[in-house]
Protein backbone atom coordinates (compact mmCIF):
# COMPACT_ATOMS: atom_id res chain seq x y z
CA MET A 1 -52.32 -1.50 -10.47
CA ILE A 2 -49.80 -2.34 -12.93
CA GLN A 3 -49.47 -2.86 -16.57
CA GLU A 4 -47.20 -5.65 -17.27
CA ILE A 5 -45.28 -5.44 -20.41
CA HIS A 6 -42.90 -8.26 -21.47
CA VAL A 7 -40.06 -7.10 -23.72
CA THR A 8 -37.16 -8.89 -25.49
CA GLN A 9 -35.42 -5.82 -26.86
CA MET A 10 -34.39 -2.57 -25.18
CA ASP A 11 -35.47 -0.36 -28.02
CA HIS A 12 -38.95 0.45 -26.64
CA PRO A 13 -39.33 4.27 -26.38
CA ASP A 14 -40.23 4.18 -22.66
CA LEU A 15 -37.09 2.20 -21.99
CA THR A 16 -34.77 5.19 -22.99
CA PRO A 17 -34.10 6.41 -19.56
CA PHE A 18 -32.89 3.05 -18.32
CA ARG A 19 -30.65 2.67 -21.54
CA THR A 20 -29.12 6.18 -20.73
CA LEU A 21 -28.10 5.76 -16.98
CA ARG A 22 -24.89 7.85 -17.70
CA GLN A 23 -26.84 10.72 -18.64
CA PRO A 24 -28.17 11.87 -15.17
CA LEU A 25 -28.16 15.70 -16.03
CA LYS A 26 -30.38 15.10 -18.88
CA HIS A 27 -32.84 12.99 -16.64
CA PHE A 28 -32.63 15.86 -14.02
CA GLU A 29 -33.58 18.39 -16.75
CA GLN A 30 -36.61 16.28 -17.58
CA GLY A 31 -37.68 16.04 -14.03
CA ILE A 32 -36.94 12.32 -13.63
CA PHE A 33 -34.62 10.02 -11.79
CA ILE A 34 -33.49 6.48 -11.72
CA ALA A 35 -33.62 4.21 -8.66
CA GLU A 36 -31.19 1.36 -8.85
CA GLY A 37 -31.22 -1.85 -6.80
CA GLU A 38 -33.72 -3.72 -4.75
CA LYS A 39 -33.30 -1.58 -1.53
CA VAL A 40 -33.44 2.00 -3.43
CA THR A 41 -36.36 0.65 -5.63
CA ARG A 42 -38.29 -0.77 -2.75
CA ARG A 43 -37.82 2.58 -0.78
CA LEU A 44 -39.15 4.37 -3.59
CA LEU A 45 -42.10 2.17 -4.07
CA GLU A 46 -42.92 2.55 -0.28
CA SER A 47 -42.66 6.41 -0.67
CA ASP A 48 -45.40 8.76 -1.78
CA LEU A 49 -43.34 9.79 -4.96
CA PRO A 50 -44.63 9.31 -8.43
CA VAL A 51 -43.04 6.14 -9.97
CA LEU A 52 -43.35 6.18 -13.85
CA SER A 53 -42.24 2.67 -14.70
CA VAL A 54 -40.07 -0.30 -13.43
CA LEU A 55 -37.82 -2.60 -15.32
CA LEU A 56 -36.86 -5.98 -13.94
CA THR A 57 -36.28 -9.66 -14.45
CA PRO A 58 -39.19 -12.19 -13.93
CA GLU A 59 -37.52 -13.23 -10.77
CA TRP A 60 -37.74 -9.75 -9.28
CA LEU A 61 -41.29 -9.34 -10.54
CA LEU A 62 -42.17 -12.53 -8.22
CA VAL A 63 -40.57 -10.54 -5.01
CA PHE A 64 -42.19 -7.23 -5.89
CA ARG A 65 -45.60 -7.97 -7.47
CA GLU A 66 -47.51 -7.41 -4.42
CA ARG A 67 -45.74 -4.31 -3.56
CA LEU A 68 -46.10 -2.98 -7.11
CA GLU A 69 -50.03 -4.01 -7.18
CA SER A 70 -50.40 -2.12 -3.85
CA ARG A 71 -49.57 1.24 -5.31
CA THR A 72 -52.73 3.32 -5.92
CA GLN A 73 -51.41 4.82 -9.30
CA SER A 74 -50.94 2.73 -12.36
CA ILE A 75 -47.43 1.84 -13.10
CA LYS A 76 -45.95 0.32 -16.19
CA VAL A 77 -43.81 -2.65 -15.42
CA TYR A 78 -41.39 -3.76 -18.15
CA VAL A 79 -40.27 -7.46 -17.55
CA ALA A 80 -37.14 -8.51 -19.43
CA PRO A 81 -34.76 -11.62 -19.46
CA LYS A 82 -31.86 -11.35 -17.04
CA GLU A 83 -29.59 -11.49 -20.04
CA LEU A 84 -31.29 -8.25 -21.68
CA VAL A 85 -31.11 -6.55 -18.46
CA GLU A 86 -27.40 -7.37 -18.06
CA SER A 87 -26.56 -5.58 -21.17
CA ILE A 88 -27.35 -2.31 -19.47
CA VAL A 89 -24.32 -0.59 -17.71
CA GLY A 90 -23.90 -1.30 -13.95
CA PHE A 91 -25.72 -4.63 -13.63
CA ASN A 92 -23.64 -5.45 -10.44
CA LEU A 93 -25.14 -2.47 -9.16
CA HIS A 94 -28.82 -2.38 -10.21
CA GLN A 95 -29.02 -6.22 -10.04
CA GLY A 96 -31.70 -6.40 -12.66
CA ILE A 97 -34.18 -4.02 -11.09
CA MET A 98 -34.76 -0.28 -11.71
CA ALA A 99 -37.37 2.12 -11.36
CA LEU A 100 -38.03 5.47 -12.98
CA GLY A 101 -39.55 8.29 -10.55
CA LYS A 102 -40.55 11.76 -11.13
CA ILE A 103 -38.80 14.32 -9.21
CA PRO A 104 -41.20 15.95 -6.85
CA GLU A 105 -42.34 19.44 -7.03
CA GLN A 106 -40.08 21.06 -4.47
CA PRO A 107 -41.58 22.66 -1.39
CA THR A 108 -41.38 26.45 -0.55
CA ILE A 109 -39.17 27.31 2.49
CA GLU A 110 -42.25 28.78 4.07
CA ASN A 111 -43.86 25.21 3.90
CA VAL A 112 -40.78 23.73 5.21
CA LEU A 113 -40.73 25.79 8.06
CA PHE A 114 -44.17 25.34 8.78
CA ARG A 115 -44.07 21.74 8.77
CA SER A 116 -40.75 21.45 10.90
CA ASP A 117 -40.68 20.85 14.63
CA ARG A 118 -38.67 23.08 16.57
CA PRO A 119 -35.84 23.14 17.15
CA ARG A 120 -35.13 23.05 13.32
CA LEU A 121 -32.29 21.48 11.64
CA PHE A 122 -31.45 22.39 7.97
CA VAL A 123 -28.48 21.58 5.83
CA ALA A 124 -27.05 23.58 2.82
CA ILE A 125 -24.63 22.48 0.30
CA ASP A 126 -22.33 24.90 -1.50
CA GLY A 127 -20.28 23.71 -4.60
CA LEU A 128 -20.87 20.01 -3.83
CA THR A 129 -20.73 18.19 -7.13
CA ASN A 130 -19.61 14.65 -6.25
CA SER A 131 -22.69 12.68 -6.56
CA GLU A 132 -21.43 9.75 -4.24
CA ASN A 133 -20.47 12.21 -1.36
CA LEU A 134 -23.82 13.87 -1.86
CA GLY A 135 -25.65 10.78 -1.59
CA VAL A 136 -23.97 9.72 1.55
CA LEU A 137 -24.55 13.29 3.02
CA VAL A 138 -28.26 12.81 2.28
CA ARG A 139 -28.14 9.68 4.13
CA ASN A 140 -26.55 11.06 7.19
CA CYS A 141 -29.10 13.91 6.96
CA ALA A 142 -32.05 11.41 7.02
CA ALA A 143 -30.09 9.67 10.08
CA PHE A 144 -29.83 12.65 12.11
CA GLY A 145 -33.12 14.35 11.65
CA VAL A 146 -32.43 16.97 9.17
CA GLN A 147 -35.58 18.47 8.08
CA ALA A 148 -34.58 20.05 4.92
CA ILE A 149 -31.66 19.97 2.39
CA LEU A 150 -30.93 23.49 0.56
CA ALA A 151 -29.00 22.66 -2.55
CA GLY A 152 -27.26 25.71 -3.71
CA GLU A 153 -27.12 26.90 -7.50
CA THR A 154 -23.48 25.70 -7.63
CA SER A 155 -24.12 22.17 -6.21
CA SER A 156 -25.32 19.21 -7.90
CA SER A 157 -28.72 17.78 -7.25
CA PRO A 158 -29.32 15.23 -4.92
CA TYR A 159 -31.62 13.50 -7.39
CA LEU A 160 -28.73 12.49 -9.90
CA ARG A 161 -28.53 8.78 -10.36
CA ARG A 162 -25.35 8.04 -8.16
CA ALA A 163 -26.46 10.38 -5.52
CA VAL A 164 -29.95 8.67 -5.25
CA ARG A 165 -28.10 5.23 -5.15
CA ASN A 166 -25.51 6.32 -2.43
CA SER A 167 -28.26 7.74 -0.24
CA MET A 168 -29.78 4.30 -0.29
CA GLY A 169 -33.31 5.67 -1.17
CA THR A 170 -33.01 7.99 2.09
CA ILE A 171 -33.41 10.96 -0.41
CA PHE A 172 -37.18 10.00 -0.66
CA LYS A 173 -37.81 11.15 3.05
CA VAL A 174 -35.81 14.58 3.16
CA PRO A 175 -37.28 17.63 1.47
CA ILE A 176 -34.96 19.04 -1.14
CA ILE A 177 -34.90 22.81 -2.21
CA HIS A 178 -32.85 23.79 -5.01
CA CYS A 179 -31.89 27.32 -4.42
CA LYS A 180 -31.49 29.95 -7.10
CA ASN A 181 -29.46 32.08 -4.83
CA LEU A 182 -28.12 30.28 -1.57
CA VAL A 183 -26.68 33.44 -0.28
CA GLU A 184 -30.13 35.12 -0.18
CA MET A 185 -31.71 31.93 1.22
CA LEU A 186 -29.15 32.03 4.17
CA ASP A 187 -29.62 35.50 4.67
CA SER A 188 -33.51 35.11 5.12
CA LEU A 189 -33.16 32.27 7.53
CA ARG A 190 -30.78 34.17 9.71
CA LYS A 191 -32.62 37.68 9.66
CA ASP A 192 -36.15 36.67 9.09
CA HIS A 193 -36.30 33.48 11.11
CA GLN A 194 -33.47 33.78 13.60
CA PHE A 195 -31.58 30.74 12.48
CA GLN A 196 -28.10 30.24 13.40
CA VAL A 197 -26.16 29.44 9.98
CA LEU A 198 -23.19 27.75 10.63
CA ALA A 199 -20.34 26.92 7.97
CA ALA A 200 -18.43 23.61 8.24
CA HIS A 201 -15.14 25.23 7.73
CA PRO A 202 -11.74 23.55 8.68
CA HIS A 203 -9.74 26.59 8.29
CA THR A 204 -10.92 28.53 11.38
CA GLU A 205 -9.68 28.99 14.85
CA ARG A 206 -12.85 30.93 16.11
CA SER A 207 -14.99 27.77 16.87
CA ARG A 208 -14.80 24.11 17.24
CA ILE A 209 -17.90 21.81 16.69
CA ASP A 210 -18.03 20.93 20.31
CA HIS A 211 -18.05 24.48 21.61
CA VAL A 212 -21.22 25.43 19.74
CA ASP A 213 -24.63 25.55 21.12
CA TYR A 214 -27.12 23.62 18.64
CA LEU A 215 -30.24 23.77 20.76
CA GLY A 216 -31.82 26.77 18.82
CA ASP A 217 -33.01 26.69 15.14
CA CYS A 218 -29.81 26.06 12.82
CA CYS A 219 -28.49 25.54 9.39
CA ILE A 220 -25.10 23.74 8.77
CA VAL A 221 -23.56 24.81 5.49
CA PHE A 222 -21.12 22.25 3.90
CA GLY A 223 -18.99 23.25 1.08
CA SER A 224 -17.12 21.42 -2.05
CA GLU A 225 -14.65 18.67 -1.67
CA GLY A 226 -11.63 20.72 -2.71
CA LEU A 227 -12.37 24.33 -1.81
CA GLY A 228 -14.95 24.08 1.19
CA VAL A 229 -17.51 26.76 1.60
CA SER A 230 -17.25 29.79 -0.84
CA GLU A 231 -16.27 33.20 0.59
CA LYS A 232 -19.64 34.74 -0.31
CA VAL A 233 -21.57 31.89 1.24
CA LEU A 234 -19.18 32.11 4.13
CA ALA A 235 -19.98 35.78 4.70
CA ALA A 236 -23.60 34.77 4.93
CA CYS A 237 -23.14 32.51 7.71
CA THR A 238 -23.28 33.50 11.62
CA LEU A 239 -20.07 31.50 12.50
CA PRO A 240 -17.42 29.17 10.74
CA VAL A 241 -16.83 25.94 12.85
CA ALA A 242 -14.17 23.38 12.63
CA ILE A 243 -13.86 19.65 13.71
CA PRO A 244 -10.49 19.45 15.77
CA MET A 245 -8.17 17.12 14.45
CA GLN A 246 -4.69 15.51 15.13
CA LEU A 247 -1.85 14.48 13.09
CA ASP A 248 -1.83 17.43 10.94
CA VAL A 249 -4.95 16.29 9.07
CA ASP A 250 -6.55 19.74 7.96
CA SER A 251 -9.98 18.42 6.66
CA LEU A 252 -12.40 15.35 6.26
CA ASN A 253 -14.31 14.19 3.34
CA VAL A 254 -17.53 16.16 3.25
CA ALA A 255 -19.65 13.05 3.66
CA SER A 256 -17.34 12.16 6.81
CA ALA A 257 -17.62 15.74 8.16
CA SER A 258 -21.38 15.84 7.80
CA ALA A 259 -21.70 12.98 10.01
CA VAL A 260 -19.52 14.35 12.79
CA PHE A 261 -21.35 17.71 12.59
CA LEU A 262 -24.94 15.94 12.50
CA TYR A 263 -24.17 13.66 15.34
CA GLU A 264 -23.08 16.43 17.50
CA VAL A 265 -26.49 18.14 16.98
CA PHE A 266 -28.23 14.95 17.69
CA ARG A 267 -26.21 14.55 20.72
CA GLN A 268 -26.90 17.79 22.18
CA ARG A 269 -30.78 17.89 21.33
CA GLY A 270 -30.72 14.67 23.36
CA GLY A 271 -30.31 11.92 20.53
CA THR A 272 -34.30 11.23 20.74
CA GLY A 273 -34.48 10.10 17.22
CA ARG A 274 -37.83 12.27 16.84
CA ALA A 275 -39.70 12.62 13.35
CA SER A 276 -38.32 15.35 11.23
CA SER A 277 -41.72 17.07 10.31
CA ARG A 278 -45.42 16.94 10.66
CA PRO A 279 -47.49 15.64 7.96
CA LYS A 280 -48.69 18.08 5.22
CA THR A 281 -52.01 19.75 5.88
C-alpha cells in the first residue's frame, strides 16, 4: 500500500531527510538512513527492513509502482519533477530515486550466535571511519558469508549514507551489532564461545594469512585506514595475521584487505556459498 503524494517544492517536513543528505550522523542519531539510487532502493524494498518514505520522479514511479505496492506496510511515496529532485545534492548518484529506511533494532550477540550455522564467521571493525571503505567491506562480508559485523565504539556505523551506498544495499542482509566495548565483546567470543579472534595486522611476522586454519568459529578484526588495529583491541585477539606482499608494499586498503582475508576463509571452507544464518524463530 502506498500513499502517493505529488510535490512541487522541497519544503515539506517529511522531505527533510532527503534535503539533509550531508548530515548522516544526525540521521543515525534519529535511527534512520537514506538509500540512494535504483539498485540500493530496490534492495531495501526487497528486504524486511522498515521503509518510511520514498522520493522519486514520475518515471521511476512507473518502474517501482508494483514493487512499492507489494510491501505490506504503508509507504509515503513523494513524486517530484525531475528538475526538483535534481536540486538535491548528488543527483548523479541517486539518479532521482531515494528511500528513507529505519535502522533495524540490532540483534544481541546471543541471537546471532543462535541463528548462525557453524563454522561461524564474524567480522569486527576497530576505528574504521571512512564510509566508502566501510561500505565496500560490508559488501565483501555479504559476498563471502559473514554472519555478523561487530562495529566497535571507535568506528563509524555501516548505516551512514555513503556506507549504505557503497555496500550496494548488501548491508540489508548482514546483521550489524554496534558494540559499546569491542574489547569485551572479543574477549567474550574468545573465552565464552571458543572463537579464534584474528587481527588483520600487516606489521607482524608471526602468521601469514595462508598459514592459518579458518575451519573453526572465527572473528576477523579490521582496523583503521591509517593506524590499523589498536593496541588494546590487538591484545584481545588470539593472533595477528598478515597478508604477504611484495615490492616493499606494507599494507592494503582495508576494503581490499578484507576481500583477501574473507576469500581465504571462503576457500578453506570449500567455497560453497552457503546461507549465512537460519531464519528467525
